Amino acid sequence: MNLHIANRLLQLRKERGLSQEDLADQLGISRQAVSKWERAEASPDTDNLICLAKLYNVSLDYLLQTEDSIETIKTEQIKKEEVI
């Protein structure tokens, strides 16, 4: 996941006064999953993105907005796959 998006998820959670545990409970996932999203180590799946957008009352476009080029996004993805 893009670091800007991860930071946006962190900011939105904090603006709503939620702990990682609170958010995880609302989404039915682990606190560790939320932590990984916010550190750009993993990405929420589509269902969780939809839930996050509804919970935060923002659009999916806003959640996923990035200035990165397609090439940059592809390069970051390749680097992550090489680590795995």
N, C-alpha and C. Protein backbone atom coordinates (compact mmCIF):
# COMPACT_ATOMS: atom_id res chain seq x y z
N MET A 1 0.84 -1.18 0.00
CA MET A 1 0.00 0.00 0.00
C MET A 1 0.88 1.23 0.00
N ASN A 2 0.39 2.25 -0.63
CA ASN A 2 1.05 3.54 -0.72
C ASN A 2 1.10 4.20 0.66
N LEU A 3 2.22 4.80 1.01
CA LEU A 3 2.39 5.42 2.32
C LEU A 3 1.40 6.57 2.54
N HIS A 4 1.09 7.33 1.49
CA HIS A 4 0.12 8.43 1.64
C HIS A 4 -1.26 7.89 2.00
N ILE A 5 -1.64 6.79 1.39
CA ILE A 5 -2.94 6.19 1.70
C ILE A 5 -2.94 5.65 3.13
N ALA A 6 -1.85 5.01 3.51
CA ALA A 6 -1.73 4.49 4.88
C ALA A 6 -1.86 5.62 5.90
N ASN A 7 -1.20 6.73 5.62
CA ASN A 7 -1.28 7.88 6.53
C ASN A 7 -2.69 8.45 6.57
N ARG A 8 -3.39 8.44 5.43
CA ARG A 8 -4.76 8.92 5.39
C ARG A 8 -5.66 8.04 6.27
N LEU A 9 -5.46 6.72 6.19
CA LEU A 9 -6.25 5.81 7.03
C LEU A 9 -5.99 6.07 8.51
N LEU A 10 -4.74 6.29 8.86
CA LEU A 10 -4.38 6.60 10.24
C LEU A 10 -5.04 7.91 10.68
N GLN A 11 -4.94 8.93 9.85
CA GLN A 11 -5.52 10.23 10.18
C GLN A 11 -7.03 10.13 10.38
N LEU A 12 -7.71 9.46 9.47
CA LEU A 12 -9.17 9.34 9.57
C LEU A 12 -9.58 8.60 10.85
N ARG A 13 -8.84 7.55 11.18
CA ARG A 13 -9.16 6.80 12.41
C ARG A 13 -8.99 7.68 13.63
N LYS A 14 -7.88 8.42 13.68
CA LYS A 14 -7.63 9.29 14.84
C LYS A 14 -8.64 10.43 14.92
N GLU A 15 -9.03 10.99 13.77
CA GLU A 15 -10.03 12.06 13.76
C GLU A 15 -11.36 11.59 14.33
N ARG A 16 -11.65 10.31 14.17
CA ARG A 16 -12.90 9.75 14.70
C ARG A 16 -12.76 9.28 16.14
N GLY A 17 -11.56 9.43 16.70
CA GLY A 17 -11.33 9.06 18.10
C GLY A 17 -11.34 7.55 18.33
N LEU A 18 -10.97 6.80 17.30
CA LEU A 18 -10.97 5.34 17.41
C LEU A 18 -9.56 4.81 17.65
N SER A 19 -9.45 3.81 18.49
CA SER A 19 -8.19 3.10 18.62
C SER A 19 -8.13 2.05 17.50
N GLN A 20 -6.98 1.49 17.28
CA GLN A 20 -6.88 0.41 16.31
C GLN A 20 -7.79 -0.74 16.71
N GLU A 21 -7.86 -1.01 17.99
CA GLU A 21 -8.72 -2.08 18.50
C GLU A 21 -10.19 -1.78 18.24
N ASP A 22 -10.60 -0.52 18.46
CA ASP A 22 -11.99 -0.12 18.20
C ASP A 22 -12.35 -0.34 16.73
N LEU A 23 -11.47 0.12 15.84
CA LEU A 23 -11.73 -0.03 14.41
C LEU A 23 -11.78 -1.49 14.02
N ALA A 24 -10.83 -2.26 14.52
CA ALA A 24 -10.79 -3.69 14.21
C ALA A 24 -12.08 -4.37 14.65
N ASP A 25 -12.56 -4.04 15.83
CA ASP A 25 -13.81 -4.63 16.33
C ASP A 25 -14.98 -4.27 15.41
N GLN A 26 -15.05 -3.04 14.95
CA GLN A 26 -16.14 -2.62 14.07
C GLN A 26 -16.11 -3.34 12.73
N LEU A 27 -14.89 -3.66 12.26
CA LEU A 27 -14.74 -4.31 10.96
C LEU A 27 -14.69 -5.84 11.07
N GLY A 28 -14.56 -6.34 12.29
CA GLY A 28 -14.48 -7.79 12.47
C GLY A 28 -13.15 -8.37 12.03
N ILE A 29 -12.09 -7.61 12.25
CA ILE A 29 -10.75 -8.05 11.88
C ILE A 29 -9.82 -7.89 13.09
N SER A 30 -8.56 -8.23 12.93
CA SER A 30 -7.61 -8.10 14.03
C SER A 30 -7.03 -6.69 14.09
N ARG A 31 -6.60 -6.31 15.28
CA ARG A 31 -5.93 -5.03 15.46
C ARG A 31 -4.64 -5.00 14.64
N GLN A 32 -4.00 -6.16 14.53
CA GLN A 32 -2.76 -6.25 13.76
C GLN A 32 -2.98 -5.91 12.29
N ALA A 33 -4.13 -6.29 11.75
CA ALA A 33 -4.44 -5.96 10.35
C ALA A 33 -4.52 -4.45 10.18
N VAL A 34 -5.19 -3.78 11.09
CA VAL A 34 -5.29 -2.31 11.03
C VAL A 34 -3.90 -1.70 11.12
N SER A 35 -3.09 -2.20 12.03
CA SER A 35 -1.73 -1.71 12.20
C SER A 35 -0.92 -1.86 10.90
N LYS A 36 -1.06 -2.98 10.24
CA LYS A 36 -0.33 -3.21 8.98
C LYS A 36 -0.78 -2.24 7.89
N TRP A 37 -2.08 -1.94 7.84
CA TRP A 37 -2.58 -0.97 6.86
C TRP A 37 -1.94 0.39 7.10
N GLU A 38 -1.88 0.77 8.38
CA GLU A 38 -1.40 2.11 8.73
C GLU A 38 0.11 2.24 8.63
N ARG A 39 0.81 1.13 8.51
CA ARG A 39 2.26 1.14 8.29
C ARG A 39 2.60 0.83 6.84
N ALA A 40 1.58 0.72 5.99
CA ALA A 40 1.74 0.44 4.56
C ALA A 40 2.38 -0.92 4.31
N GLU A 41 2.15 -1.86 5.22
CA GLU A 41 2.68 -3.21 5.06
C GLU A 41 1.67 -4.13 4.40
N ALA A 42 0.41 -3.74 4.40
CA ALA A 42 -0.66 -4.52 3.79
C ALA A 42 -1.76 -3.56 3.37
N SER A 43 -2.66 -4.06 2.54
CA SER A 43 -3.77 -3.24 2.05
C SER A 43 -5.10 -3.86 2.46
N PRO A 44 -6.08 -3.04 2.80
CA PRO A 44 -7.41 -3.57 3.09
C PRO A 44 -8.00 -4.20 1.82
N ASP A 45 -8.77 -5.27 1.99
CA ASP A 45 -9.45 -5.84 0.83
C ASP A 45 -10.62 -4.93 0.45
N THR A 46 -11.23 -5.24 -0.66
CA THR A 46 -12.30 -4.39 -1.19
C THR A 46 -13.44 -4.21 -0.20
N ASP A 47 -13.86 -5.28 0.44
CA ASP A 47 -14.96 -5.17 1.41
C ASP A 47 -14.59 -4.24 2.56
N ASN A 48 -13.36 -4.35 3.05
CA ASN A 48 -12.95 -3.48 4.15
C ASN A 48 -12.80 -2.03 3.69
N LEU A 49 -12.37 -1.82 2.46
CA LEU A 49 -12.30 -0.45 1.94
C LEU A 49 -13.69 0.18 1.88
N ILE A 50 -14.66 -0.59 1.44
CA ILE A 50 -16.04 -0.08 1.39
C ILE A 50 -16.52 0.26 2.79
N CYS A 51 -16.26 -0.63 3.74
CA CYS A 51 -16.67 -0.37 5.13
C CYS A 51 -15.96 0.86 5.70
N LEU A 52 -14.68 1.00 5.41
CA LEU A 52 -13.94 2.18 5.89
C LEU A 52 -14.53 3.47 5.32
N ALA A 53 -14.83 3.46 4.04
CA ALA A 53 -15.41 4.65 3.41
C ALA A 53 -16.75 5.01 4.06
N LYS A 54 -17.57 4.02 4.31
CA LYS A 54 -18.87 4.27 4.95
C LYS A 54 -18.69 4.74 6.39
N LEU A 55 -17.80 4.08 7.12
CA LEU A 55 -17.55 4.44 8.51
C LEU A 55 -17.04 5.87 8.64
N TYR A 56 -16.13 6.26 7.76
CA TYR A 56 -15.53 7.58 7.81
C TYR A 56 -16.32 8.62 7.01
N ASN A 57 -17.38 8.16 6.33
CA ASN A 57 -18.22 9.05 5.53
C ASN A 57 -17.40 9.79 4.46
N VAL A 58 -16.55 9.03 3.76
CA VAL A 58 -15.77 9.57 2.65
C VAL A 58 -15.94 8.64 1.45
N SER A 59 -15.52 9.09 0.29
CA SER A 59 -15.62 8.26 -0.90
C SER A 59 -14.43 7.31 -0.99
N LEU A 60 -14.61 6.25 -1.76
CA LEU A 60 -13.49 5.36 -2.04
C LEU A 60 -12.39 6.11 -2.77
N ASP A 61 -12.79 7.01 -3.65
CA ASP A 61 -11.80 7.84 -4.36
C ASP A 61 -10.92 8.59 -3.37
N TYR A 62 -11.54 9.17 -2.35
CA TYR A 62 -10.76 9.90 -1.35
C TYR A 62 -9.82 8.97 -0.61
N LEU A 63 -10.31 7.81 -0.20
CA LEU A 63 -9.47 6.86 0.53
C LEU A 63 -8.25 6.45 -0.28
N LEU A 64 -8.43 6.25 -1.58
CA LEU A 64 -7.38 5.67 -2.41
C LEU A 64 -6.63 6.69 -3.26
N GLN A 65 -6.93 7.95 -3.07
CA GLN A 65 -6.31 9.01 -3.87
C GLN A 65 -4.80 9.02 -3.67
N THR A 66 -4.07 9.11 -4.79
CA THR A 66 -2.61 9.19 -4.74
C THR A 66 -2.11 10.00 -5.92
N GLU A 67 -0.99 10.63 -5.74
CA GLU A 67 -0.35 11.39 -6.80
C GLU A 67 0.67 10.53 -7.55
N ASP A 68 0.91 9.31 -7.06
CA ASP A 68 1.90 8.43 -7.68
C ASP A 68 1.48 8.03 -9.09
N SER A 69 2.47 7.90 -9.94
CA SER A 69 2.22 7.44 -11.30
C SER A 69 1.98 5.93 -11.30
N ILE A 70 1.43 5.45 -12.38
CA ILE A 70 1.22 4.01 -12.52
C ILE A 70 2.54 3.28 -12.40
N GLU A 71 3.57 3.83 -13.00
CA GLU A 71 4.90 3.19 -12.95
C GLU A 71 5.41 3.08 -11.51
N THR A 72 5.24 4.12 -10.73
CA THR A 72 5.66 4.09 -9.33
C THR A 72 4.89 3.05 -8.55
N ILE A 73 3.59 2.99 -8.75
CA ILE A 73 2.76 2.01 -8.06
C ILE A 73 3.19 0.59 -8.42
N LYS A 74 3.43 0.36 -9.72
CA LYS A 74 3.88 -0.97 -10.16
C LYS A 74 5.23 -1.33 -9.56
N THR A 75 6.14 -0.38 -9.53
CA THR A 75 7.47 -0.63 -8.97
C THR A 75 7.39 -0.98 -7.49
N GLU A 76 6.57 -0.25 -6.73
CA GLU A 76 6.40 -0.54 -5.31
C GLU A 76 5.82 -1.94 -5.11
N GLN A 77 4.87 -2.32 -5.94
CA GLN A 77 4.25 -3.64 -5.83
C GLN A 77 5.28 -4.74 -6.11
N ILE A 78 6.11 -4.54 -7.11
CA ILE A 78 7.14 -5.53 -7.45
C ILE A 78 8.11 -5.69 -6.30
N LYS A 79 8.51 -4.58 -5.69
CA LYS A 79 9.43 -4.64 -4.54
C LYS A 79 8.82 -5.45 -3.39
N LYS A 80 7.53 -5.24 -3.11
CA LYS A 80 6.86 -5.97 -2.03
C LYS A 80 6.78 -7.46 -2.35
N GLU A 81 6.52 -7.80 -3.60
CA GLU A 81 6.43 -9.20 -3.99
C GLU A 81 7.79 -9.89 -3.88
N GLU A 82 8.87 -9.17 -4.14
CA GLU A 82 10.20 -9.74 -4.03
C GLU A 82 10.54 -10.07 -2.60
N VAL A 83 10.03 -9.28 -1.66
CA VAL A 83 10.28 -9.52 -0.24
C VAL A 83 9.58 -10.78 0.23
N ILE A 84 8.40 -11.03 -0.33
CA ILE A 84 7.61 -12.20 0.04
C ILE A 84 8.27 -13.40 -0.54
